[in-house]
Amino acid sequence: MGKAERLKAARAAERAASHERAPLVMLTRAVKVVGALFGTEPECAHAAALLKMIGDHLGYDLTPRAVSLVATETSTGSKAFLGPRADELIDETDRHKLEVHLPEEGDTGHMVLTSEDPMMLFDPNLPQLIRLGIFAEPLLFPIASTDPPELEWRVSRGSLSLLYLPDGNQALVSTYQEALVDFAARAAQIAGFLRKGALPEDIHFGPKR
């Protein structure tokens, strides 16, 4: 086999490998990488889009989900409410205090991702709760169904209690779709690093786009 043929075969093998399902630990690392990129900024649609595309490159089919979120820090009683279904649960005495922490465009809800295989929920931008006084890290969590009959997912992590309420809110969809284009190259880059064994702390970022 000549040099040109060997190069062609190597590239074909590389393309094939890039479509094989990576070990789940790589997807776990991807959640941490995306979480670190956006930090505490309330950019859940951007984070969801980036993780969706990284998942594609790693062989996982992730689905964006518009949700409301009620987060409670049980050790302090601190609460955060994101999205229309969550807003209905706010005590009026807390409403003003909570509203001052909202983004300038107001409460546009929250966006996460789910997958059927594995059956999990992913929330890479959960650290935005830190802006509301609640410590949180990027999340992936096993769920019983991606279409729960009770119309909710409940997650507990230490003293943090999370209630995710699928609500069909479309406020973040256009932002998500634009981010699919904006972050396409970055997603491929991150997935490539992960497939080569990079840890989240090994992947350093420049500009987000």
N, C-alpha and C. Protein backbone atom coordinates (compact mmCIF):
# COMPACT_ATOMS: atom_id res chain seq x y z
N MET A 1 0.85 -1.19 0.00
CA MET A 1 0.00 0.00 0.00
C MET A 1 0.89 1.24 0.00
N GLY A 2 0.63 2.14 -0.94
CA GLY A 2 1.42 3.35 -1.04
C GLY A 2 1.05 4.35 0.05
N LYS A 3 1.84 5.45 0.11
CA LYS A 3 1.64 6.46 1.15
C LYS A 3 0.27 7.09 1.05
N ALA A 4 -0.16 7.39 -0.18
CA ALA A 4 -1.47 8.02 -0.38
C ALA A 4 -2.59 7.11 0.08
N GLU A 5 -2.46 5.81 -0.21
CA GLU A 5 -3.49 4.85 0.19
C GLU A 5 -3.53 4.69 1.70
N ARG A 6 -2.32 4.67 2.33
CA ARG A 6 -2.27 4.53 3.79
C ARG A 6 -2.91 5.75 4.46
N LEU A 7 -2.65 6.95 3.92
CA LEU A 7 -3.22 8.17 4.46
C LEU A 7 -4.73 8.16 4.32
N LYS A 8 -5.20 7.72 3.17
CA LYS A 8 -6.65 7.65 2.93
C LYS A 8 -7.31 6.67 3.88
N ALA A 9 -6.67 5.52 4.10
CA ALA A 9 -7.23 4.52 5.01
C ALA A 9 -7.25 5.03 6.44
N ALA A 10 -6.19 5.74 6.83
CA ALA A 10 -6.14 6.28 8.18
C ALA A 10 -7.24 7.30 8.41
N ARG A 11 -7.48 8.15 7.40
CA ARG A 11 -8.54 9.15 7.54
C ARG A 11 -9.91 8.49 7.60
N ALA A 12 -10.11 7.43 6.82
CA ALA A 12 -11.39 6.71 6.85
C ALA A 12 -11.61 6.08 8.23
N ALA A 13 -10.54 5.51 8.79
CA ALA A 13 -10.65 4.91 10.12
C ALA A 13 -10.97 5.97 11.17
N GLU A 14 -10.35 7.15 11.02
CA GLU A 14 -10.61 8.23 11.96
C GLU A 14 -12.06 8.70 11.88
N ARG A 15 -12.59 8.80 10.67
CA ARG A 15 -13.99 9.20 10.50
C ARG A 15 -14.93 8.17 11.12
N ALA A 16 -14.61 6.89 10.92
CA ALA A 16 -15.46 5.83 11.47
C ALA A 16 -15.44 5.87 12.99
N ALA A 17 -14.24 6.08 13.55
CA ALA A 17 -14.12 6.13 15.00
C ALA A 17 -14.90 7.29 15.59
N SER A 18 -14.96 8.41 14.85
CA SER A 18 -15.64 9.59 15.36
C SER A 18 -17.14 9.40 15.45
N HIS A 19 -17.69 8.37 14.79
CA HIS A 19 -19.12 8.11 14.84
C HIS A 19 -19.46 6.96 15.79
N GLU A 20 -18.46 6.27 16.32
CA GLU A 20 -18.71 5.22 17.28
C GLU A 20 -19.07 5.84 18.63
N ARG A 21 -19.90 5.14 19.38
CA ARG A 21 -20.28 5.65 20.69
C ARG A 21 -19.08 5.62 21.63
N ALA A 22 -18.80 6.76 22.21
CA ALA A 22 -17.72 6.86 23.17
C ALA A 22 -18.19 6.34 24.52
N PRO A 23 -17.28 5.95 25.42
CA PRO A 23 -17.68 5.56 26.77
C PRO A 23 -18.44 6.69 27.46
N LEU A 24 -19.37 6.32 28.33
CA LEU A 24 -20.21 7.31 29.00
C LEU A 24 -19.38 8.32 29.79
N VAL A 25 -18.22 7.90 30.28
CA VAL A 25 -17.39 8.81 31.06
C VAL A 25 -17.01 10.04 30.23
N MET A 26 -16.91 9.88 28.90
CA MET A 26 -16.56 11.03 28.06
C MET A 26 -17.72 12.01 28.00
N LEU A 27 -18.95 11.51 27.99
CA LEU A 27 -20.11 12.40 28.01
C LEU A 27 -20.20 13.10 29.36
N THR A 28 -19.88 12.37 30.42
CA THR A 28 -19.84 12.97 31.75
C THR A 28 -18.84 14.12 31.79
N ARG A 29 -17.68 13.90 31.19
CA ARG A 29 -16.67 14.95 31.14
C ARG A 29 -17.14 16.12 30.29
N ALA A 30 -17.89 15.83 29.23
CA ALA A 30 -18.41 16.90 28.37
C ALA A 30 -19.32 17.83 29.15
N VAL A 31 -20.15 17.26 30.03
CA VAL A 31 -21.05 18.08 30.86
C VAL A 31 -20.23 19.04 31.72
N LYS A 32 -19.14 18.54 32.29
CA LYS A 32 -18.29 19.39 33.13
C LYS A 32 -17.59 20.47 32.30
N VAL A 33 -17.15 20.11 31.10
CA VAL A 33 -16.49 21.08 30.23
C VAL A 33 -17.43 22.22 29.86
N VAL A 34 -18.65 21.87 29.45
CA VAL A 34 -19.63 22.88 29.07
C VAL A 34 -20.00 23.73 30.28
N GLY A 35 -20.16 23.08 31.42
CA GLY A 35 -20.47 23.83 32.63
C GLY A 35 -19.40 24.85 32.97
N ALA A 36 -18.14 24.46 32.81
CA ALA A 36 -17.03 25.38 33.10
C ALA A 36 -16.99 26.53 32.10
N LEU A 37 -17.33 26.25 30.86
CA LEU A 37 -17.29 27.29 29.83
C LEU A 37 -18.26 28.43 30.13
N PHE A 38 -19.47 28.10 30.56
CA PHE A 38 -20.49 29.13 30.78
C PHE A 38 -20.55 29.60 32.23
N GLY A 39 -19.95 28.84 33.13
CA GLY A 39 -19.87 29.28 34.52
C GLY A 39 -21.23 29.61 35.11
N THR A 40 -21.33 30.75 35.77
CA THR A 40 -22.57 31.14 36.45
C THR A 40 -23.49 31.99 35.57
N GLU A 41 -23.09 32.22 34.32
CA GLU A 41 -23.93 33.03 33.43
C GLU A 41 -25.21 32.27 33.08
N PRO A 42 -26.37 32.93 33.05
CA PRO A 42 -27.62 32.26 32.71
C PRO A 42 -27.74 32.06 31.20
N GLU A 43 -27.02 31.10 30.66
CA GLU A 43 -26.97 30.85 29.22
C GLU A 43 -27.31 29.38 28.94
N CYS A 44 -28.44 28.94 29.47
CA CYS A 44 -28.78 27.53 29.39
C CYS A 44 -29.02 27.06 27.96
N ALA A 45 -29.58 27.91 27.08
CA ALA A 45 -29.82 27.50 25.70
C ALA A 45 -28.51 27.30 24.96
N HIS A 46 -27.53 28.19 25.19
CA HIS A 46 -26.22 28.04 24.58
C HIS A 46 -25.54 26.77 25.08
N ALA A 47 -25.61 26.55 26.39
CA ALA A 47 -24.98 25.37 26.97
C ALA A 47 -25.63 24.10 26.45
N ALA A 48 -26.95 24.10 26.33
CA ALA A 48 -27.66 22.92 25.83
C ALA A 48 -27.27 22.63 24.39
N ALA A 49 -27.15 23.67 23.56
CA ALA A 49 -26.79 23.47 22.16
C ALA A 49 -25.38 22.90 22.04
N LEU A 50 -24.46 23.45 22.80
CA LEU A 50 -23.08 22.96 22.73
C LEU A 50 -23.00 21.51 23.19
N LEU A 51 -23.66 21.17 24.29
CA LEU A 51 -23.62 19.79 24.78
C LEU A 51 -24.32 18.85 23.80
N LYS A 52 -25.41 19.30 23.20
CA LYS A 52 -26.10 18.48 22.20
C LYS A 52 -25.15 18.08 21.08
N MET A 53 -24.40 19.04 20.56
CA MET A 53 -23.51 18.75 19.43
C MET A 53 -22.30 17.92 19.85
N ILE A 54 -21.78 18.17 21.04
CA ILE A 54 -20.70 17.32 21.53
C ILE A 54 -21.21 15.88 21.66
N GLY A 55 -22.42 15.75 22.19
CA GLY A 55 -23.03 14.42 22.30
C GLY A 55 -23.14 13.74 20.94
N ASP A 56 -23.53 14.48 19.92
CA ASP A 56 -23.60 13.92 18.57
C ASP A 56 -22.26 13.32 18.15
N HIS A 57 -21.20 14.09 18.39
CA HIS A 57 -19.86 13.63 18.01
C HIS A 57 -19.41 12.42 18.83
N LEU A 58 -19.95 12.29 20.04
CA LEU A 58 -19.56 11.17 20.89
C LEU A 58 -20.51 9.97 20.73
N GLY A 59 -21.50 10.11 19.86
CA GLY A 59 -22.41 9.00 19.59
C GLY A 59 -23.63 8.93 20.47
N TYR A 60 -24.01 10.06 21.10
CA TYR A 60 -25.17 10.09 21.98
C TYR A 60 -26.22 11.05 21.41
N ASP A 61 -27.47 10.64 21.50
CA ASP A 61 -28.58 11.44 20.98
C ASP A 61 -29.25 12.17 22.14
N LEU A 62 -28.96 13.45 22.29
CA LEU A 62 -29.52 14.26 23.36
C LEU A 62 -30.61 15.16 22.80
N THR A 63 -31.67 15.34 23.56
CA THR A 63 -32.82 16.12 23.12
C THR A 63 -33.00 17.34 24.02
N PRO A 64 -33.06 18.55 23.44
CA PRO A 64 -33.29 19.74 24.27
C PRO A 64 -34.69 19.74 24.84
N ARG A 65 -34.82 20.19 26.09
CA ARG A 65 -36.12 20.23 26.75
C ARG A 65 -36.30 21.56 27.46
N ALA A 66 -37.36 22.26 27.13
CA ALA A 66 -37.71 23.48 27.84
C ALA A 66 -38.39 23.09 29.15
N VAL A 67 -37.88 23.63 30.25
CA VAL A 67 -38.43 23.27 31.56
C VAL A 67 -38.54 24.51 32.45
N SER A 68 -39.33 24.35 33.49
CA SER A 68 -39.27 25.26 34.63
C SER A 68 -38.48 24.53 35.71
N LEU A 69 -37.87 25.29 36.59
CA LEU A 69 -37.04 24.69 37.63
C LEU A 69 -37.28 25.38 38.97
N VAL A 70 -37.53 24.57 39.98
CA VAL A 70 -37.56 25.06 41.35
C VAL A 70 -36.38 24.41 42.07
N ALA A 71 -35.47 25.23 42.55
CA ALA A 71 -34.29 24.73 43.26
C ALA A 71 -34.34 25.18 44.71
N THR A 72 -34.08 24.26 45.61
CA THR A 72 -34.12 24.57 47.04
C THR A 72 -32.85 24.08 47.70
N GLU A 73 -32.17 24.98 48.39
CA GLU A 73 -31.03 24.61 49.22
C GLU A 73 -31.58 24.32 50.61
N THR A 74 -31.73 23.03 50.92
CA THR A 74 -32.46 22.66 52.13
C THR A 74 -31.74 23.08 53.40
N SER A 75 -30.42 23.23 53.36
CA SER A 75 -29.68 23.60 54.57
C SER A 75 -29.88 25.06 54.95
N THR A 76 -30.24 25.89 53.96
CA THR A 76 -30.42 27.32 54.23
C THR A 76 -31.84 27.81 53.96
N GLY A 77 -32.62 27.01 53.22
CA GLY A 77 -33.96 27.44 52.85
C GLY A 77 -33.99 28.34 51.63
N SER A 78 -32.83 28.60 51.01
CA SER A 78 -32.78 29.45 49.82
C SER A 78 -33.47 28.74 48.65
N LYS A 79 -34.19 29.55 47.83
CA LYS A 79 -34.92 28.98 46.71
C LYS A 79 -34.68 29.80 45.44
N ALA A 80 -34.81 29.12 44.30
CA ALA A 80 -34.75 29.79 43.00
C ALA A 80 -35.86 29.23 42.13
N PHE A 81 -36.45 30.10 41.33
CA PHE A 81 -37.56 29.72 40.46
C PHE A 81 -37.27 30.19 39.05
N LEU A 82 -37.27 29.28 38.09
CA LEU A 82 -37.04 29.62 36.69
C LEU A 82 -38.15 29.03 35.84
N GLY A 83 -38.80 29.85 35.02
CA GLY A 83 -39.81 29.35 34.09
C GLY A 83 -41.23 29.51 34.59
N PRO A 84 -42.19 29.44 33.66
CA PRO A 84 -43.59 29.73 33.98
C PRO A 84 -44.22 28.80 35.01
N ARG A 85 -43.96 27.51 34.94
CA ARG A 85 -44.56 26.59 35.92
C ARG A 85 -43.97 26.82 37.31
N ALA A 86 -42.68 27.19 37.35
CA ALA A 86 -42.05 27.48 38.63
C ALA A 86 -42.57 28.80 39.20
N ASP A 87 -42.77 29.78 38.32
CA ASP A 87 -43.24 31.09 38.78
C ASP A 87 -44.57 30.98 39.52
N GLU A 88 -45.39 30.01 39.12
CA GLU A 88 -46.69 29.84 39.78
C GLU A 88 -46.54 29.41 41.23
N LEU A 89 -45.37 28.92 41.59
CA LEU A 89 -45.14 28.40 42.94
C LEU A 89 -44.45 29.39 43.86
N ILE A 90 -44.14 30.59 43.36
CA ILE A 90 -43.41 31.58 44.16
C ILE A 90 -44.34 32.21 45.20
N ASP A 91 -43.86 32.25 46.41
CA ASP A 91 -44.55 32.97 47.47
C ASP A 91 -44.43 34.47 47.17
N GLU A 92 -45.51 35.20 47.26
CA GLU A 92 -45.50 36.63 46.91
C GLU A 92 -44.51 37.43 47.75
N THR A 93 -44.24 36.97 48.95
CA THR A 93 -43.29 37.72 49.79
C THR A 93 -41.86 37.60 49.27
N ASP A 94 -41.61 36.58 48.45
CA ASP A 94 -40.26 36.38 47.90
C ASP A 94 -40.11 36.90 46.48
N ARG A 95 -41.23 37.28 45.83
CA ARG A 95 -41.18 37.58 44.41
C ARG A 95 -40.23 38.73 44.08
N HIS A 96 -40.29 39.83 44.79
CA HIS A 96 -39.42 40.97 44.47
C HIS A 96 -37.95 40.60 44.67
N LYS A 97 -37.66 39.91 45.75
CA LYS A 97 -36.27 39.52 46.03
C LYS A 97 -35.71 38.66 44.91
N LEU A 98 -36.54 37.78 44.36
CA LEU A 98 -36.08 36.88 43.29
C LEU A 98 -35.94 37.60 41.97
N GLU A 99 -36.85 38.52 41.67
CA GLU A 99 -36.84 39.18 40.37
C GLU A 99 -35.60 40.02 40.14
N VAL A 100 -34.98 40.54 41.16
CA VAL A 100 -33.81 41.39 40.97
C VAL A 100 -32.62 40.59 40.45
N HIS A 101 -32.69 39.28 40.53
CA HIS A 101 -31.60 38.44 40.06
C HIS A 101 -31.81 37.93 38.63
N LEU A 102 -32.95 38.23 38.03
CA LEU A 102 -33.25 37.71 36.71
C LEU A 102 -32.43 38.42 35.63
N PRO A 103 -32.18 37.75 34.49
CA PRO A 103 -31.51 38.41 33.37
C PRO A 103 -32.34 39.60 32.90
N GLU A 104 -31.70 40.50 32.14
CA GLU A 104 -32.39 41.71 31.69
C GLU A 104 -33.64 41.40 30.89
N GLU A 105 -33.62 40.28 30.13
CA GLU A 105 -34.79 39.94 29.33
C GLU A 105 -35.89 39.29 30.15
N GLY A 106 -35.68 39.15 31.46
CA GLY A 106 -36.69 38.56 32.31
C GLY A 106 -36.54 37.05 32.41
N ASP A 107 -37.53 36.41 32.98
CA ASP A 107 -37.50 34.97 33.19
C ASP A 107 -37.92 34.25 31.91
N THR A 108 -36.94 33.77 31.17
CA THR A 108 -37.23 33.05 29.93
C THR A 108 -37.28 31.55 30.16
N GLY A 109 -37.23 31.12 31.41
CA GLY A 109 -37.28 29.70 31.70
C GLY A 109 -35.90 29.07 31.70
N HIS A 110 -35.87 27.79 31.52
CA HIS A 110 -34.62 27.04 31.60
C HIS A 110 -34.63 25.96 30.52
N MET A 111 -33.45 25.51 30.13
CA MET A 111 -33.33 24.46 29.12
C MET A 111 -32.32 23.42 29.57
N VAL A 112 -32.73 22.16 29.48
CA VAL A 112 -31.86 21.04 29.79
C VAL A 112 -31.90 20.08 28.60
N LEU A 113 -31.28 18.93 28.75
CA LEU A 113 -31.36 17.90 27.72
C LEU A 113 -31.68 16.57 28.38
N THR A 114 -32.31 15.68 27.60
CA THR A 114 -32.53 14.32 28.07
C THR A 114 -32.05 13.35 27.00
N SER A 115 -31.85 12.12 27.40
CA SER A 115 -31.52 11.07 26.43
C SER A 115 -32.26 9.80 26.81
N GLU A 116 -32.58 9.00 25.79
CA GLU A 116 -33.24 7.72 26.02
C GLU A 116 -32.24 6.62 26.34
N ASP A 117 -31.03 6.75 25.80
CA ASP A 117 -30.00 5.73 25.99
C ASP A 117 -28.64 6.39 26.14
N PRO A 118 -28.19 6.60 27.37
CA PRO A 118 -28.80 6.17 28.64
C PRO A 118 -29.97 7.08 29.02
N MET A 119 -30.86 6.60 29.89
CA MET A 119 -32.01 7.37 30.33
C MET A 119 -31.53 8.38 31.37
N MET A 120 -31.27 9.61 30.91
CA MET A 120 -30.67 10.60 31.81
C MET A 120 -31.15 12.00 31.48
N LEU A 121 -31.00 12.87 32.47
CA LEU A 121 -31.23 14.31 32.32
C LEU A 121 -29.89 15.02 32.49
N PHE A 122 -29.64 16.04 31.66
CA PHE A 122 -28.39 16.78 31.67
C PHE A 122 -28.68 18.27 31.86
N ASP A 123 -28.00 18.89 32.82
CA ASP A 123 -28.16 20.33 33.06
C ASP A 123 -26.78 20.96 33.22
N PRO A 124 -26.10 21.25 32.11
CA PRO A 124 -24.74 21.79 32.21
C PRO A 124 -24.67 23.21 32.75
N ASN A 125 -25.76 23.97 32.65
CA ASN A 125 -25.75 25.36 33.08
C ASN A 125 -26.38 25.56 34.47
N LEU A 126 -26.49 24.48 35.24
CA LEU A 126 -27.06 24.59 36.58
C LEU A 126 -26.28 25.55 37.49
N PRO A 127 -24.95 25.73 37.30
CA PRO A 127 -24.22 26.68 38.15
C PRO A 127 -24.73 28.12 38.09
N GLN A 128 -25.62 28.44 37.15
CA GLN A 128 -26.20 29.78 37.16
C GLN A 128 -26.95 30.05 38.47
N LEU A 129 -27.32 28.99 39.19
CA LEU A 129 -28.00 29.17 40.47
C LEU A 129 -27.12 29.86 41.49
N ILE A 130 -25.81 29.81 41.28
CA ILE A 130 -24.90 30.47 42.21
C ILE A 130 -25.20 31.97 42.27
N ARG A 131 -25.67 32.55 41.17
CA ARG A 131 -26.04 33.96 41.14
C ARG A 131 -27.22 34.25 42.06
N LEU A 132 -27.97 33.20 42.38
CA LEU A 132 -29.13 33.33 43.26
C LEU A 132 -28.83 32.85 44.67
N GLY A 133 -27.55 32.63 44.95
CA GLY A 133 -27.16 32.24 46.30
C GLY A 133 -27.25 30.76 46.59
N ILE A 134 -27.34 29.93 45.54
CA ILE A 134 -27.43 28.48 45.72
C ILE A 134 -26.26 27.82 45.00
N PHE A 135 -25.41 27.12 45.73
CA PHE A 135 -24.28 26.46 45.09
C PHE A 135 -24.76 25.25 44.29
N ALA A 136 -24.32 25.15 43.06
CA ALA A 136 -24.70 24.03 42.21
C ALA A 136 -23.61 23.77 41.18
N GLU A 137 -23.46 22.52 40.81
CA GLU A 137 -22.50 22.10 39.81
C GLU A 137 -23.23 21.54 38.60
N PRO A 138 -22.56 21.45 37.44
CA PRO A 138 -23.19 20.84 36.26
C PRO A 138 -23.72 19.45 36.62
N LEU A 139 -24.87 19.13 36.07
CA LEU A 139 -25.59 17.93 36.51
C LEU A 139 -25.86 16.96 35.37
N LEU A 140 -25.67 15.67 35.63
CA LEU A 140 -26.30 14.62 34.84
C LEU A 140 -26.86 13.63 35.84
N PHE A 141 -28.09 13.15 35.56
CA PHE A 141 -28.81 12.39 36.57
C PHE A 141 -29.70 11.35 35.89
N PRO A 142 -29.69 10.10 36.40
CA PRO A 142 -30.56 9.08 35.81
C PRO A 142 -32.03 9.37 36.10
N ILE A 143 -32.88 9.15 35.12
CA ILE A 143 -34.31 9.35 35.27
C ILE A 143 -35.04 8.08 34.82
N ALA A 144 -36.28 7.94 35.26
CA ALA A 144 -37.06 6.75 34.93
C ALA A 144 -37.69 6.85 33.55
N SER A 145 -37.93 8.08 33.09
CA SER A 145 -38.60 8.29 31.81
C SER A 145 -38.30 9.68 31.29
N THR A 146 -38.21 9.82 29.97
CA THR A 146 -38.06 11.15 29.40
C THR A 146 -39.42 11.83 29.21
N ASP A 147 -40.48 11.10 29.48
CA ASP A 147 -41.83 11.66 29.40
C ASP A 147 -42.59 11.23 30.66
N PRO A 148 -42.20 11.78 31.81
CA PRO A 148 -42.75 11.29 33.08
C PRO A 148 -44.25 11.54 33.19
N PRO A 149 -45.01 10.55 33.60
CA PRO A 149 -46.46 10.72 33.72
C PRO A 149 -46.84 11.80 34.72
N GLU A 150 -45.98 12.03 35.71
CA GLU A 150 -46.28 13.05 36.72
C GLU A 150 -45.82 14.44 36.27
N LEU A 151 -45.26 14.53 35.05
CA LEU A 151 -44.83 15.80 34.45
C LEU A 151 -43.79 16.52 35.30
N GLU A 152 -42.87 15.74 35.87
CA GLU A 152 -41.81 16.35 36.65
C GLU A 152 -40.66 15.36 36.81
N TRP A 153 -39.48 15.93 37.03
CA TRP A 153 -38.32 15.14 37.45
C TRP A 153 -37.83 15.73 38.76
N ARG A 154 -37.59 14.89 39.75
CA ARG A 154 -37.05 15.34 41.02
C ARG A 154 -35.63 14.81 41.19
N VAL A 155 -34.73 15.71 41.56
CA VAL A 155 -33.32 15.36 41.71
C VAL A 155 -32.84 15.87 43.06
N SER A 156 -32.08 15.05 43.77
CA SER A 156 -31.47 15.48 45.02
C SER A 156 -29.96 15.28 44.93
N ARG A 157 -29.23 16.31 45.30
CA ARG A 157 -27.77 16.25 45.34
C ARG A 157 -27.32 16.89 46.66
N GLY A 158 -27.03 16.06 47.65
CA GLY A 158 -26.67 16.61 48.95
C GLY A 158 -27.83 17.41 49.52
N SER A 159 -27.58 18.68 49.84
CA SER A 159 -28.63 19.53 50.39
C SER A 159 -29.38 20.31 49.31
N LEU A 160 -29.10 19.99 48.04
CA LEU A 160 -29.77 20.67 46.93
C LEU A 160 -30.90 19.80 46.39
N SER A 161 -32.11 20.37 46.39
CA SER A 161 -33.29 19.68 45.87
C SER A 161 -33.76 20.40 44.62
N LEU A 162 -33.94 19.65 43.53
CA LEU A 162 -34.31 20.22 42.24
C LEU A 162 -35.61 19.61 41.74
N LEU A 163 -36.52 20.46 41.31
CA LEU A 163 -37.77 20.02 40.71
C LEU A 163 -37.84 20.58 39.29
N TYR A 164 -37.70 19.70 38.31
CA TYR A 164 -37.77 20.08 36.91
C TYR A 164 -39.18 19.82 36.39
N LEU A 165 -39.77 20.83 35.76
CA LEU A 165 -41.15 20.75 35.29
C LEU A 165 -41.18 21.02 33.78
N PRO A 166 -41.28 19.99 32.93
CA PRO A 166 -41.37 20.23 31.49
C PRO A 166 -42.55 21.14 31.19
N ASP A 167 -42.31 22.22 30.43
CA ASP A 167 -43.40 23.19 30.23
C ASP A 167 -43.63 23.60 28.78
N GLY A 168 -42.79 23.15 27.85
CA GLY A 168 -43.01 23.50 26.45
C GLY A 168 -42.80 24.96 26.13
N ASN A 169 -42.23 25.73 27.05
CA ASN A 169 -41.97 27.15 26.83
C ASN A 169 -41.00 27.32 25.66
N GLN A 170 -41.36 28.13 24.68
CA GLN A 170 -40.57 28.28 23.46
C GLN A 170 -39.64 29.49 23.48
N ALA A 171 -39.53 30.17 24.62
CA ALA A 171 -38.79 31.42 24.67
C ALA A 171 -37.32 31.27 24.31
N LEU A 172 -36.73 30.11 24.58
CA LEU A 172 -35.30 29.92 24.37
C LEU A 172 -34.97 29.17 23.08
N VAL A 173 -35.97 28.76 22.32
CA VAL A 173 -35.74 27.91 21.16
C VAL A 173 -34.89 28.60 20.09
N SER A 174 -35.19 29.85 19.77
CA SER A 174 -34.42 30.54 18.73
C SER A 174 -32.97 30.72 19.15
N THR A 175 -32.75 31.02 20.43
CA THR A 175 -31.38 31.14 20.94
C THR A 175 -30.65 29.81 20.81
N TYR A 176 -31.33 28.72 21.13
CA TYR A 176 -30.75 27.38 21.01
C TYR A 176 -30.38 27.09 19.55
N GLN A 177 -31.28 27.37 18.64
CA GLN A 177 -31.04 27.08 17.22
C GLN A 177 -29.88 27.89 16.66
N GLU A 178 -29.78 29.16 17.05
CA GLU A 178 -28.65 29.98 16.62
C GLU A 178 -27.34 29.45 17.17
N ALA A 179 -27.38 28.97 18.41
CA ALA A 179 -26.17 28.46 19.05
C ALA A 179 -25.67 27.19 18.38
N LEU A 180 -26.58 26.41 17.79
CA LEU A 180 -26.15 25.21 17.06
C LEU A 180 -25.19 25.57 15.94
N VAL A 181 -25.39 26.72 15.33
CA VAL A 181 -24.50 27.19 14.28
C VAL A 181 -23.24 27.80 14.88
N ASP A 182 -23.44 28.65 15.89
CA ASP A 182 -22.32 29.38 16.48
C ASP A 182 -21.26 28.46 17.09
N PHE A 183 -21.71 27.34 17.67
CA PHE A 183 -20.80 26.49 18.42
C PHE A 183 -20.42 25.20 17.71
N ALA A 184 -20.74 25.08 16.43
CA ALA A 184 -20.47 23.83 15.71
C ALA A 184 -18.99 23.46 15.74
N ALA A 185 -18.13 24.42 15.42
CA ALA A 185 -16.70 24.13 15.39
C ALA A 185 -16.17 23.82 16.78
N ARG A 186 -16.64 24.55 17.79
CA ARG A 186 -16.18 24.32 19.15
C ARG A 186 -16.60 22.93 19.64
N ALA A 187 -17.81 22.51 19.28
CA ALA A 187 -18.29 21.19 19.69
C ALA A 187 -17.40 20.09 19.12
N ALA A 188 -17.06 20.19 17.86
CA ALA A 188 -16.19 19.19 17.23
C ALA A 188 -14.82 19.17 17.90
N GLN A 189 -14.31 20.36 18.23
CA GLN A 189 -13.01 20.47 18.88
C GLN A 189 -13.02 19.80 20.24
N ILE A 190 -14.04 20.09 21.05
CA ILE A 190 -14.13 19.52 22.39
C ILE A 190 -14.28 18.01 22.32
N ALA A 191 -15.16 17.53 21.43
CA ALA A 191 -15.36 16.08 21.30
C ALA A 191 -14.06 15.39 20.90
N GLY A 192 -13.29 16.03 20.02
CA GLY A 192 -12.02 15.46 19.61
C GLY A 192 -11.06 15.33 20.77
N PHE A 193 -10.99 16.37 21.60
CA PHE A 193 -10.13 16.32 22.78
C PHE A 193 -10.56 15.19 23.72
N LEU A 194 -11.87 15.06 23.94
CA LEU A 194 -12.38 14.05 24.86
C LEU A 194 -12.09 12.64 24.35
N ARG A 195 -12.26 12.44 23.04
CA ARG A 195 -11.98 11.12 22.47
C ARG A 195 -10.51 10.75 22.59
N LYS A 196 -9.66 11.75 22.69
CA LYS A 196 -8.23 11.49 22.85
C LYS A 196 -7.84 11.33 24.31
N GLY A 197 -8.83 11.36 25.20
CA GLY A 197 -8.57 11.10 26.61
C GLY A 197 -8.39 12.32 27.47
N ALA A 198 -8.65 13.51 26.93
CA ALA A 198 -8.46 14.73 27.72
C ALA A 198 -9.46 14.78 28.88
N LEU A 199 -9.00 15.28 30.02
CA LEU A 199 -9.87 15.53 31.15
C LEU A 199 -10.42 16.95 31.06
N PRO A 200 -11.53 17.24 31.75
CA PRO A 200 -12.10 18.60 31.67
C PRO A 200 -11.09 19.69 31.98
N GLU A 201 -10.24 19.45 32.98
CA GLU A 201 -9.27 20.48 33.35
C GLU A 201 -8.14 20.63 32.32
N ASP A 202 -8.05 19.67 31.38
CA ASP A 202 -7.04 19.76 30.33
C ASP A 202 -7.48 20.63 29.17
N ILE A 203 -8.79 20.90 29.09
CA ILE A 203 -9.34 21.61 27.93
C ILE A 203 -9.49 23.08 28.29
N HIS A 204 -8.66 23.91 27.66
CA HIS A 204 -8.66 25.33 27.96
C HIS A 204 -9.37 26.09 26.84
N PHE A 205 -10.07 27.15 27.22
CA PHE A 205 -10.92 27.86 26.28
C PHE A 205 -10.42 29.27 25.99
N GLY A 206 -10.66 29.67 24.76
CA GLY A 206 -10.54 31.06 24.39
C GLY A 206 -11.95 31.62 24.36
N PRO A 207 -12.29 32.44 23.35
CA PRO A 207 -13.65 32.96 23.22
C PRO A 207 -14.66 31.82 23.10
N LYS A 208 -15.88 32.06 23.55
CA LYS A 208 -16.90 31.02 23.54
C LYS A 208 -17.21 30.55 22.13
N ARG A 209 -17.19 31.47 21.16
CA ARG A 209 -17.55 31.09 19.81
C ARG A 209 -16.32 31.00 18.94
